PDB file of N, CA and C in Angstrom:
ATOM      1  N   MET A   1       1.534  25.966  45.947  1.00  0.00           N
ATOM      2  CA  MET A   1       1.221  27.377  45.912  1.00  0.00           C
ATOM      3  C   MET A   1       1.904  28.042  47.092  1.00  0.00           C
ATOM      4  N   THR A   2       1.957  29.335  47.074  1.00  0.00           N
ATOM      5  CA  THR A   2       2.802  30.046  48.027  1.00  0.00           C
ATOM      6  C   THR A   2       2.126  30.420  49.328  1.00  0.00           C
ATOM      7  N   GLY A   3       0.804  30.364  49.396  1.00  0.00           N
ATOM      8  CA  GLY A   3       0.102  30.750  50.599  1.00  0.00           C
ATOM      9  C   GLY A   3      -0.400  32.181  50.565  1.00  0.00           C
ATOM     10  N   ASP A   4       0.026  32.965  49.563  1.00  0.00           N
ATOM     11  CA  ASP A   4      -0.435  34.346  49.465  1.00  0.00           C
ATOM     12  C   ASP A   4      -1.414  34.534  48.303  1.00  0.00           C
ATOM     13  N   GLU A   5      -2.088  33.451  47.938  1.00  0.00           N
ATOM     14  CA  GLU A   5      -3.032  33.498  46.832  1.00  0.00           C
ATOM     15  C   GLU A   5      -4.327  34.199  47.250  1.00  0.00           C
ATOM     16  N   PRO A   6      -4.982  34.840  46.288  1.00  0.00           N
ATOM     17  CA  PRO A   6      -6.295  35.394  46.603  1.00  0.00           C
ATOM     18  C   PRO A   6      -7.283  34.287  46.922  1.00  0.00           C
ATOM     19  N   GLU A   7      -8.425  34.659  47.449  1.00  0.00           N
ATOM     20  CA  GLU A   7      -9.445  33.680  47.821  1.00  0.00           C
ATOM     21  C   GLU A   7      -9.881  32.827  46.635  1.00  0.00           C
ATOM     22  N   HIS A   8      -9.855  33.393  45.444  1.00  0.00           N
ATOM     23  CA  HIS A   8     -10.277  32.635  44.264  1.00  0.00           C
ATOM     24  C   HIS A   8      -9.565  33.183  43.026  1.00  0.00           C
ATOM     25  N   TYR A   9      -9.654  32.424  41.973  1.00  0.00           N
ATOM     26  CA  TYR A   9      -9.069  32.822  40.704  1.00  0.00           C
ATOM     27  C   TYR A   9     -10.163  32.863  39.653  1.00  0.00           C
ATOM     28  N   ALA A  10      -9.980  33.715  38.675  1.00  0.00           N
ATOM     29  CA  ALA A  10     -10.934  33.797  37.581  1.00  0.00           C
ATOM     30  C   ALA A  10     -10.737  32.652  36.599  1.00  0.00           C
ATOM     31  N   LEU A  11      -9.495  32.144  36.510  1.00  0.00           N
ATOM     32  CA  LEU A  11      -9.191  31.071  35.567  1.00  0.00           C
ATOM     33  C   LEU A  11      -8.237  30.066  36.185  1.00  0.00           C
ATOM     34  N   LEU A  12      -8.470  28.828  35.914  1.00  0.00           N
ATOM     35  CA  LEU A  12      -7.537  27.756  36.208  1.00  0.00           C
ATOM     36  C   LEU A  12      -7.186  27.148  34.861  1.00  0.00           C
ATOM     37  N   GLU A  13      -5.914  27.098  34.553  1.00  0.00           N
ATOM     38  CA  GLU A  13      -5.448  26.540  33.289  1.00  0.00           C
ATOM     39  C   GLU A  13      -4.932  25.135  33.551  1.00  0.00           C
ATOM     40  N   LEU A  14      -5.618  24.151  33.032  1.00  0.00           N
ATOM     41  CA  LEU A  14      -5.221  22.754  33.189  1.00  0.00           C
ATOM     42  C   LEU A  14      -4.517  22.323  31.919  1.00  0.00           C
ATOM     43  N   ARG A  15      -3.258  21.946  32.059  1.00  0.00           N
ATOM     44  CA  ARG A  15      -2.463  21.501  30.914  1.00  0.00           C
ATOM     45  C   ARG A  15      -2.185  20.013  31.077  1.00  0.00           C
ATOM     46  N   THR A  16      -2.334  19.267  30.004  1.00  0.00           N
ATOM     47  CA  THR A  16      -2.109  17.825  30.001  1.00  0.00           C
ATOM     48  C   THR A  16      -1.074  17.507  28.928  1.00  0.00           C
ATOM     49  N   TYR A  17      -0.059  16.774  29.320  1.00  0.00           N
ATOM     50  CA  TYR A  17       0.993  16.366  28.383  1.00  0.00           C
ATOM     51  C   TYR A  17       1.036  14.848  28.295  1.00  0.00           C
ATOM     52  N   ARG A  18       1.101  14.338  27.075  1.00  0.00           N
ATOM     53  CA  ARG A  18       1.373  12.920  26.856  1.00  0.00           C
ATOM     54  C   ARG A  18       2.849  12.814  26.492  1.00  0.00           C
ATOM     55  N   LEU A  19       3.566  11.977  27.256  1.00  0.00           N
ATOM     56  CA  LEU A  19       5.011  11.835  27.084  1.00  0.00           C
ATOM     57  C   LEU A  19       5.354  10.612  26.248  1.00  0.00           C
ATOM     58  N   ALA A  20       6.483  10.679  25.591  1.00  0.00           N
ATOM     59  CA  ALA A  20       7.016   9.513  24.895  1.00  0.00           C
ATOM     60  C   ALA A  20       7.436   8.484  25.948  1.00  0.00           C
ATOM     61  N   ALA A  21       7.277   7.225  25.612  1.00  0.00           N
ATOM     62  CA  ALA A  21       7.643   6.139  26.535  1.00  0.00           C
ATOM     63  C   ALA A  21       9.115   6.250  26.920  1.00  0.00           C
ATOM     64  N   GLY A  22       9.390   6.007  28.208  1.00  0.00           N
ATOM     65  CA  GLY A  22      10.757   6.000  28.707  1.00  0.00           C
ATOM     66  C   GLY A  22      11.351   7.373  28.987  1.00  0.00           C
ATOM     67  N   LYS A  23      10.561   8.435  28.896  1.00  0.00           N
ATOM     68  CA  LYS A  23      11.082   9.790  29.049  1.00  0.00           C
ATOM     69  C   LYS A  23      10.643  10.488  30.333  1.00  0.00           C
ATOM     70  N   ARG A  24       9.821   9.817  31.164  1.00  0.00           N
ATOM     71  CA  ARG A  24       9.254  10.481  32.334  1.00  0.00           C
ATOM     72  C   ARG A  24      10.321  10.976  33.310  1.00  0.00           C
ATOM     73  N   GLU A  25      11.291  10.155  33.636  1.00  0.00           N
ATOM     74  CA  GLU A  25      12.277  10.535  34.648  1.00  0.00           C
ATOM     75  C   GLU A  25      13.040  11.803  34.248  1.00  0.00           C
ATOM     76  N   ALA A  26      13.492  11.873  33.002  1.00  0.00           N
ATOM     77  CA  ALA A  26      14.210  13.056  32.535  1.00  0.00           C
ATOM     78  C   ALA A  26      13.287  14.279  32.517  1.00  0.00           C
ATOM     79  N   PHE A  27      12.029  14.079  32.141  1.00  0.00           N
ATOM     80  CA  PHE A  27      11.060  15.167  32.114  1.00  0.00           C
ATOM     81  C   PHE A  27      10.832  15.705  33.520  1.00  0.00           C
ATOM     82  N   GLU A  28      10.654  14.815  34.495  1.00  0.00           N
ATOM     83  CA  GLU A  28      10.434  15.249  35.875  1.00  0.00           C
ATOM     84  C   GLU A  28      11.639  16.000  36.424  1.00  0.00           C
ATOM     85  N   GLN A  29      12.830  15.556  36.081  1.00  0.00           N
ATOM     86  CA  GLN A  29      14.038  16.253  36.522  1.00  0.00           C
ATOM     87  C   GLN A  29      14.077  17.664  35.938  1.00  0.00           C
ATOM     88  N   ARG A  30      13.738  17.793  34.681  1.00  0.00           N
ATOM     89  CA  ARG A  30      13.714  19.117  34.045  1.00  0.00           C
ATOM     90  C   ARG A  30      12.685  20.028  34.718  1.00  0.00           C
ATOM     91  N   LEU A  31      11.518  19.472  35.054  1.00  0.00           N
ATOM     92  CA  LEU A  31      10.507  20.275  35.740  1.00  0.00           C
ATOM     93  C   LEU A  31      11.052  20.833  37.050  1.00  0.00           C
ATOM     94  N   ARG A  32      11.683  19.966  37.844  1.00  0.00           N
ATOM     95  CA  ARG A  32      12.221  20.378  39.148  1.00  0.00           C
ATOM     96  C   ARG A  32      13.346  21.404  39.003  1.00  0.00           C
ATOM     97  N   GLU A  33      14.255  21.161  38.060  1.00  0.00           N
ATOM     98  CA  GLU A  33      15.478  21.953  37.982  1.00  0.00           C
ATOM     99  C   GLU A  33      15.373  23.186  37.091  1.00  0.00           C
ATOM    100  N   VAL A  34      14.465  23.174  36.130  1.00  0.00           N
ATOM    101  CA  VAL A  34      14.395  24.273  35.163  1.00  0.00           C
ATOM    102  C   VAL A  34      13.038  24.973  35.197  1.00  0.00           C
ATOM    103  N   THR A  35      11.981  24.223  34.928  1.00  0.00           N
ATOM    104  CA  THR A  35      10.667  24.831  34.715  1.00  0.00           C
ATOM    105  C   THR A  35      10.117  25.514  35.957  1.00  0.00           C
ATOM    106  N   LEU A  36      10.007  24.797  37.066  1.00  0.00           N
ATOM    107  CA  LEU A  36       9.400  25.390  38.262  1.00  0.00           C
ATOM    108  C   LEU A  36      10.179  26.590  38.799  1.00  0.00           C
ATOM    109  N   PRO A  37      11.518  26.559  38.814  1.00  0.00           N
ATOM    110  CA  PRO A  37      12.223  27.768  39.255  1.00  0.00           C
ATOM    111  C   PRO A  37      11.948  28.987  38.356  1.00  0.00           C
ATOM    112  N   ILE A  38      11.838  28.781  37.063  1.00  0.00           N
ATOM    113  CA  ILE A  38      11.526  29.897  36.165  1.00  0.00           C
ATOM    114  C   ILE A  38      10.116  30.405  36.439  1.00  0.00           C
ATOM    115  N   TYR A  39       9.161  29.481  36.573  1.00  0.00           N
ATOM    116  CA  TYR A  39       7.786  29.894  36.892  1.00  0.00           C
ATOM    117  C   TYR A  39       7.759  30.716  38.172  1.00  0.00           C
ATOM    118  N   ALA A  40       8.465  30.259  39.195  1.00  0.00           N
ATOM    119  CA  ALA A  40       8.474  30.966  40.483  1.00  0.00           C
ATOM    120  C   ALA A  40       9.085  32.357  40.328  1.00  0.00           C
ATOM    121  N   ARG A  41      10.185  32.454  39.617  1.00  0.00           N
ATOM    122  CA  ARG A  41      10.844  33.751  39.425  1.00  0.00           C
ATOM    123  C   ARG A  41       9.933  34.736  38.704  1.00  0.00           C
ATOM    124  N   LEU A  42       9.140  34.234  37.755  1.00  0.00           N
ATOM    125  CA  LEU A  42       8.246  35.102  36.995  1.00  0.00           C
ATOM    126  C   LEU A  42       6.906  35.330  37.685  1.00  0.00           C
ATOM    127  N   GLY A  43       6.693  34.678  38.828  1.00  0.00           N
ATOM    128  CA  GLY A  43       5.442  34.857  39.564  1.00  0.00           C
ATOM    129  C   GLY A  43       4.268  34.073  38.987  1.00  0.00           C
ATOM    130  N   LEU A  44       4.553  33.051  38.185  1.00  0.00           N
ATOM    131  CA  LEU A  44       3.486  32.198  37.654  1.00  0.00           C
ATOM    132  C   LEU A  44       3.073  31.225  38.743  1.00  0.00           C
ATOM    133  N   ARG A  45       1.788  31.149  39.021  1.00  0.00           N
ATOM    134  CA  ARG A  45       1.276  30.322  40.110  1.00  0.00           C
ATOM    135  C   ARG A  45       0.970  28.915  39.602  1.00  0.00           C
ATOM    136  N   CYS A  46       1.879  28.014  39.912  1.00  0.00           N
ATOM    137  CA  CYS A  46       1.743  26.602  39.548  1.00  0.00           C
ATOM    138  C   CYS A  46       1.949  25.806  40.825  1.00  0.00           C
ATOM    139  N   ASP A  47       0.985  24.970  41.173  1.00  0.00           N
ATOM    140  CA  ASP A  47       1.131  24.251  42.442  1.00  0.00           C
ATOM    141  C   ASP A  47       1.661  22.833  42.264  1.00  0.00           C
ATOM    142  N   GLY A  48       2.208  22.522  41.119  1.00  0.00           N
ATOM    143  CA  GLY A  48       2.861  21.243  40.935  1.00  0.00           C
ATOM    144  C   GLY A  48       2.415  20.530  39.679  1.00  0.00           C
ATOM    145  N   PHE A  49       3.040  19.410  39.472  1.00  0.00           N
ATOM    146  CA  PHE A  49       2.760  18.545  38.328  1.00  0.00           C
ATOM    147  C   PHE A  49       2.341  17.187  38.882  1.00  0.00           C
ATOM    148  N   TRP A  50       1.437  16.527  38.185  1.00  0.00           N
ATOM    149  CA  TRP A  50       0.930  15.239  38.647  1.00  0.00           C
ATOM    150  C   TRP A  50       0.996  14.206  37.536  1.00  0.00           C
ATOM    151  N   ALA A  51       1.163  12.959  37.958  1.00  0.00           N
ATOM    152  CA  ALA A  51       1.130  11.828  37.037  1.00  0.00           C
ATOM    153  C   ALA A  51      -0.101  10.994  37.370  1.00  0.00           C
ATOM    154  N   SER A  52      -0.560  10.251  36.389  1.00  0.00           N
ATOM    155  CA  SER A  52      -1.714   9.379  36.561  1.00  0.00           C
ATOM    156  C   SER A  52      -1.255   7.935  36.708  1.00  0.00           C
ATOM    157  N   ASP A  53      -1.730   7.251  37.740  1.00  0.00           N
ATOM    158  CA  ASP A  53      -1.428   5.828  37.876  1.00  0.00           C
ATOM    159  C   ASP A  53      -2.096   5.023  36.765  1.00  0.00           C
ATOM    160  N   ASP A  54      -3.260   5.496  36.330  1.00  0.00           N
ATOM    161  CA  ASP A  54      -3.995   4.785  35.287  1.00  0.00           C
ATOM    162  C   ASP A  54      -3.389   4.975  33.901  1.00  0.00           C
ATOM    163  N   GLU A  55      -2.797   6.145  33.674  1.00  0.00           N
ATOM    164  CA  GLU A  55      -2.201   6.459  32.376  1.00  0.00           C
ATOM    165  C   GLU A  55      -0.801   7.030  32.628  1.00  0.00           C
ATOM    166  N   PRO A  56       0.204   6.159  32.786  1.00  0.00           N
ATOM    167  CA  PRO A  56       1.518   6.612  33.225  1.00  0.00           C
ATOM    168  C   PRO A  56       2.238   7.564  32.268  1.00  0.00           C
ATOM    169  N   LEU A  57       1.785   7.681  31.044  1.00  0.00           N
ATOM    170  CA  LEU A  57       2.434   8.603  30.121  1.00  0.00           C
ATOM    171  C   LEU A  57       1.833  10.011  30.162  1.00  0.00           C
ATOM    172  N   LEU A  58       0.803  10.199  30.995  1.00  0.00           N
ATOM    173  CA  LEU A  58       0.175  11.523  31.104  1.00  0.00           C
ATOM    174  C   LEU A  58       0.734  12.293  32.295  1.00  0.00           C
ATOM    175  N   THR A  59       0.945  13.575  32.094  1.00  0.00           N
ATOM    176  CA  THR A  59       1.341  14.502  33.148  1.00  0.00           C
ATOM    177  C   THR A  59       0.376  15.676  33.112  1.00  0.00           C
ATOM    178  N   TYR A  60      -0.030  16.145  34.289  1.00  0.00           N
ATOM    179  CA  TYR A  60      -0.986  17.239  34.408  1.00  0.00           C
ATOM    180  C   TYR A  60      -0.369  18.349  35.244  1.00  0.00           C
ATOM    181  N   TYR A  61      -0.726  19.583  34.927  1.00  0.00           N
ATOM    182  CA  TYR A  61      -0.406  20.675  35.844  1.00  0.00           C
ATOM    183  C   TYR A  61      -1.386  21.812  35.652  1.00  0.00           C
ATOM    184  N   THR A  62      -1.425  22.670  36.663  1.00  0.00           N
ATOM    185  CA  THR A  62      -2.349  23.795  36.642  1.00  0.00           C
ATOM    186  C   THR A  62      -1.602  25.096  36.877  1.00  0.00           C
ATOM    187  N   LEU A  63      -2.092  26.108  36.231  1.00  0.00           N
ATOM    188  CA  LEU A  63      -1.665  27.483  36.477  1.00  0.00           C
ATOM    189  C   LEU A  63      -2.905  28.262  36.886  1.00  0.00           C
ATOM    190  N   TYR A  64      -2.741  29.176  37.824  1.00  0.00           N
ATOM    191  CA  TYR A  64      -3.867  29.945  38.356  1.00  0.00           C
ATOM    192  C   TYR A  64      -3.732  31.388  37.924  1.00  0.00           C
ATOM    193  N   TRP A  65      -4.836  31.966  37.428  1.00  0.00           N
ATOM    194  CA  TRP A  65      -4.830  33.330  36.911  1.00  0.00           C
ATOM    195  C   TRP A  65      -5.999  34.115  37.498  1.00  0.00           C
ATOM    196  N   THR A  66      -5.770  35.402  37.722  1.00  0.00           N
ATOM    197  CA  THR A  66      -6.847  36.259  38.212  1.00  0.00           C
ATOM    198  C   THR A  66      -7.698  36.806  37.073  1.00  0.00           C
ATOM    199  N   SER A  67      -7.174  36.743  35.835  1.00  0.00           N
ATOM    200  CA  SER A  67      -7.915  37.233  34.673  1.00  0.00           C
ATOM    201  C   SER A  67      -7.289  36.680  33.395  1.00  0.00           C
ATOM    202  N   GLN A  68      -8.016  36.805  32.311  1.00  0.00           N
ATOM    203  CA  GLN A  68      -7.471  36.417  31.014  1.00  0.00           C
ATOM    204  C   GLN A  68      -6.294  37.315  30.644  1.00  0.00           C
ATOM    205  N   ALA A  69      -6.383  38.582  30.999  1.00  0.00           N
ATOM    206  CA  ALA A  69      -5.288  39.516  30.717  1.00  0.00           C
ATOM    207  C   ALA A  69      -4.015  39.106  31.461  1.00  0.00           C
ATOM    208  N   GLU A  70      -4.161  38.684  32.722  1.00  0.00           N
ATOM    209  CA  GLU A  70      -2.992  38.227  33.471  1.00  0.00           C
ATOM    210  C   GLU A  70      -2.405  36.983  32.822  1.00  0.00           C
ATOM    211  N   ARG A  71      -3.255  36.076  32.369  1.00  0.00           N
ATOM    212  CA  ARG A  71      -2.782  34.858  31.694  1.00  0.00           C
ATOM    213  C   ARG A  71      -1.975  35.223  30.450  1.00  0.00           C
ATOM    214  N   GLU A  72      -2.524  36.095  29.625  1.00  0.00           N
ATOM    215  CA  GLU A  72      -1.827  36.493  28.399  1.00  0.00           C
ATOM    216  C   GLU A  72      -0.486  37.138  28.715  1.00  0.00           C
ATOM    217  N   ASP A  73      -0.456  37.992  29.740  1.00  0.00           N
ATOM    218  CA  ASP A  73       0.786  38.637  30.143  1.00  0.00           C
ATOM    219  C   ASP A  73       1.786  37.622  30.690  1.00  0.00           C
ATOM    220  N   GLY A  74       1.314  36.668  31.488  1.00  0.00           N
ATOM    221  CA  GLY A  74       2.198  35.648  32.051  1.00  0.00           C
ATOM    222  C   GLY A  74       2.859  34.809  30.969  1.00  0.00           C
ATOM    223  N   TRP A  75       2.076  34.370  30.008  1.00  0.00           N
ATOM    224  CA  TRP A  75       2.640  33.581  28.915  1.00  0.00           C
ATOM    225  C   TRP A  75       3.562  34.414  28.039  1.00  0.00           C
ATOM    226  N   ARG A  76       3.215  35.679  27.819  1.00  0.00           N
ATOM    227  CA  ARG A  76       4.076  36.556  27.033  1.00  0.00           C
ATOM    228  C   ARG A  76       5.436  36.713  27.718  1.00  0.00           C
ATOM    229  N   ARG A  77       5.410  36.952  29.037  1.00  0.00           N
ATOM    230  CA  ARG A  77       6.665  37.113  29.787  1.00  0.00           C
ATOM    231  C   ARG A  77       7.480  35.824  29.778  1.00  0.00           C
ATOM    232  N   LEU A  78       6.809  34.677  29.950  1.00  0.00           N
ATOM    233  CA  LEU A  78       7.523  33.403  29.950  1.00  0.00           C
ATOM    234  C   LEU A  78       8.198  33.156  28.604  1.00  0.00           C
ATOM    235  N   LEU A  79       7.456  33.317  27.529  1.00  0.00           N
ATOM    236  CA  LEU A  79       7.993  33.015  26.199  1.00  0.00           C
ATOM    237  C   LEU A  79       9.083  33.992  25.763  1.00  0.00           C
ATOM    238  N   ALA A  80       9.147  35.170  26.417  1.00  0.00           N
ATOM    239  CA  ALA A  80      10.189  36.148  26.116  1.00  0.00           C
ATOM    240  C   ALA A  80      11.354  36.090  27.107  1.00  0.00           C
ATOM    241  N   ASP A  81      11.228  35.289  28.146  1.00  0.00           N
ATOM    242  CA  ASP A  81      12.246  35.227  29.188  1.00  0.00           C
ATOM    243  C   ASP A  81      13.526  34.583  28.646  1.00  0.00           C
ATOM    244  N   PRO A  82      14.662  35.266  28.729  1.00  0.00           N
ATOM    245  CA  PRO A  82      15.904  34.724  28.164  1.00  0.00           C
ATOM    246  C   PRO A  82      16.296  33.357  28.728  1.00  0.00           C
ATOM    247  N   GLU A  83      16.109  33.162  30.028  1.00  0.00           N
ATOM    248  CA  GLU A  83      16.464  31.864  30.621  1.00  0.00           C
ATOM    249  C   GLU A  83      15.556  30.761  30.083  1.00  0.00           C
ATOM    250  N   PHE A  84      14.262  31.046  29.974  1.00  0.00           N
ATOM    251  CA  PHE A  84      13.332  30.055  29.442  1.00  0.00           C
ATOM    252  C   PHE A  84      13.643  29.757  27.976  1.00  0.00           C
ATOM    253  N   VAL A  85      13.879  30.787  27.193  1.00  0.00           N
ATOM    254  CA  VAL A  85      14.208  30.596  25.776  1.00  0.00           C
ATOM    255  C   VAL A  85      15.469  29.746  25.646  1.00  0.00           C
ATOM    256  N   ALA A  86      16.504  30.074  26.416  1.00  0.00           N
ATOM    257  CA  ALA A  86      17.757  29.315  26.354  1.00  0.00           C
ATOM    258  C   ALA A  86      17.559  27.867  26.774  1.00  0.00           C
ATOM    259  N   SER A  87      16.670  27.637  27.744  1.00  0.00           N
ATOM    260  CA  SER A  87      16.459  26.266  28.226  1.00  0.00           C
ATOM    261  C   SER A  87      15.806  25.383  27.170  1.00  0.00           C
ATOM    262  N   ARG A  88      15.157  25.989  26.201  1.00  0.00           N
ATOM    263  CA  ARG A  88      14.472  25.227  25.157  1.00  0.00           C
ATOM    264  C   ARG A  88      15.358  24.938  23.952  1.00  0.00           C
ATOM    265  N   GLU A  89      16.451  25.683  23.824  1.00  0.00           N
ATOM    266  CA  GLU A  89      17.347  25.496  22.680  1.00  0.00           C
ATOM    267  C   GLU A  89      18.001  24.114  22.752  1.00  0.00           C
ATOM    268  N   GLY A  90      17.805  23.329  21.725  1.00  0.00           N
ATOM    269  CA  GLY A  90      18.393  21.998  21.659  1.00  0.00           C
ATOM    270  C   GLY A  90      17.725  20.963  22.541  1.00  0.00           C
ATOM    271  N   TYR A  91      16.658  21.350  23.249  1.00  0.00           N
ATOM    272  CA  TYR A  91      15.959  20.415  24.136  1.00  0.00           C
ATOM    273  C   TYR A  91      15.074  19.486  23.315  1.00  0.00           C
ATOM    274  N   ASP A  92      15.275  18.192  23.485  1.00  0.00           N
ATOM    275  CA  ASP A  92      14.469  17.185  22.798  1.00  0.00           C
ATOM    276  C   ASP A  92      13.273  16.867  23.697  1.00  0.00           C
ATOM    277  N   SER A  93      12.197  17.597  23.506  1.00  0.00           N
ATOM    278  CA  SER A  93      11.027  17.464  24.377  1.00  0.00           C
ATOM    279  C   SER A  93      10.398  16.079  24.271  1.00  0.00           C
ATOM    280  N   PRO A  94      10.079  15.475  25.418  1.00  0.00           N
ATOM    281  CA  PRO A  94       9.400  14.181  25.415  1.00  0.00           C
ATOM    282  C   PRO A  94       7.888  14.315  25.220  1.00  0.00           C
ATOM    283  N   VAL A  95       7.382  15.551  25.164  1.00  0.00           N
ATOM    284  CA  VAL A  95       5.946  15.768  25.011  1.00  0.00           C
ATOM    285  C   VAL A  95       5.565  15.482  23.562  1.00  0.00           C
ATOM    286  N   ILE A  96       4.649  14.524  23.391  1.00  0.00           N
ATOM    287  CA  ILE A  96       4.225  14.179  22.035  1.00  0.00           C
ATOM    288  C   ILE A  96       2.812  14.673  21.736  1.00  0.00           C
ATOM    289  N   GLU A  97       2.102  15.098  22.787  1.00  0.00           N
ATOM    290  CA  GLU A  97       0.762  15.645  22.612  1.00  0.00           C
ATOM    291  C   GLU A  97       0.449  16.495  23.836  1.00  0.00           C
ATOM    292  N   SER A  98      -0.244  17.606  23.619  1.00  0.00           N
ATOM    293  CA  SER A  98      -0.625  18.443  24.760  1.00  0.00           C
ATOM    294  C   SER A  98      -2.017  19.019  24.534  1.00  0.00           C
ATOM    295  N   THR A  99      -2.702  19.241  25.639  1.00  0.00           N
ATOM    296  CA  THR A  99      -3.998  19.902  25.600  1.00  0.00           C
ATOM    297  C   THR A  99      -4.031  20.967  26.695  1.00  0.00           C
ATOM    298  N   VAL A 100      -4.823  21.989  26.463  1.00  0.00           N
ATOM    299  CA  VAL A 100      -5.002  23.072  27.437  1.00  0.00           C
ATOM    300  C   VAL A 100      -6.495  23.276  27.613  1.00  0.00           C
ATOM    301  N   GLN A 101      -6.910  23.313  28.872  1.00  0.00           N
ATOM    302  CA  GLN A 101      -8.301  23.626  29.196  1.00  0.00           C
ATOM    303  C   GLN A 101      -8.306  24.806  30.147  1.00  0.00           C
ATOM    304  N   LEU A 102      -9.148  25.790  29.864  1.00  0.00           N
ATOM    305  CA  LEU A 102      -9.334  26.917  30.767  1.00  0.00           C
ATOM    306  C   LEU A 102     -10.633  26.691  31.522  1.00  0.00           C
ATOM    307  N   LEU A 103     -10.526  26.655  32.833  1.00  0.00           N
ATOM    308  CA  LEU A 103     -11.664  26.391  33.689  1.00  0.00           C
ATOM    309  C   LEU A 103     -11.954  27.628  34.519  1.00  0.00           C
ATOM    310  N   ARG A 104     -13.226  27.921  34.707  1.00  0.00           N
ATOM    311  CA  ARG A 104     -13.621  29.059  35.541  1.00  0.00           C
ATOM    312  C   ARG A 104     -14.502  28.541  36.668  1.00  0.00           C
ATOM    313  N   PRO A 105     -14.450  29.196  37.807  1.00  0.00           N
ATOM    314  CA  PRO A 105     -15.263  28.742  38.935  1.00  0.00           C
ATOM    315  C   PRO A 105     -16.754  28.965  38.652  1.00  0.00           C
ATOM    316  N   ILE A 106     -17.572  28.054  39.139  1.00  0.00           N
ATOM    317  CA  ILE A 106     -19.013  28.210  38.979  1.00  0.00           C
ATOM    318  C   ILE A 106     -19.717  28.385  40.323  1.00  0.00           C
ATOM    319  N   VAL A 107     -19.035  28.118  41.395  1.00  0.00           N
ATOM    320  CA  VAL A 107     -19.607  28.292  42.726  1.00  0.00           C
ATOM    321  C   VAL A 107     -18.616  29.057  43.583  1.00  0.00           C
TER     322      VAL A 107
END
């Protein structure tokens, strides 16, 4: 994260990806070189991607939102972004399953 985050967020979006075997290294390279720079340029707050030692084919990441409206706008901007759209053309995604959980603070 950038250090200029508000004290709290209304939503934390936890995304989980299951990768095809043998595809992790290429996926991680794409995250570093393509995905995270686009997220940063668009102001999407993502503090990184994580792998599980227990389940090596799983990758996790979080996005932080101040509201549901901000989340909807962020995804709309990302999916309409010409660089992001171009980066997906012809890309053979290693993601074979994904889940999204929206979490809200309780304390």
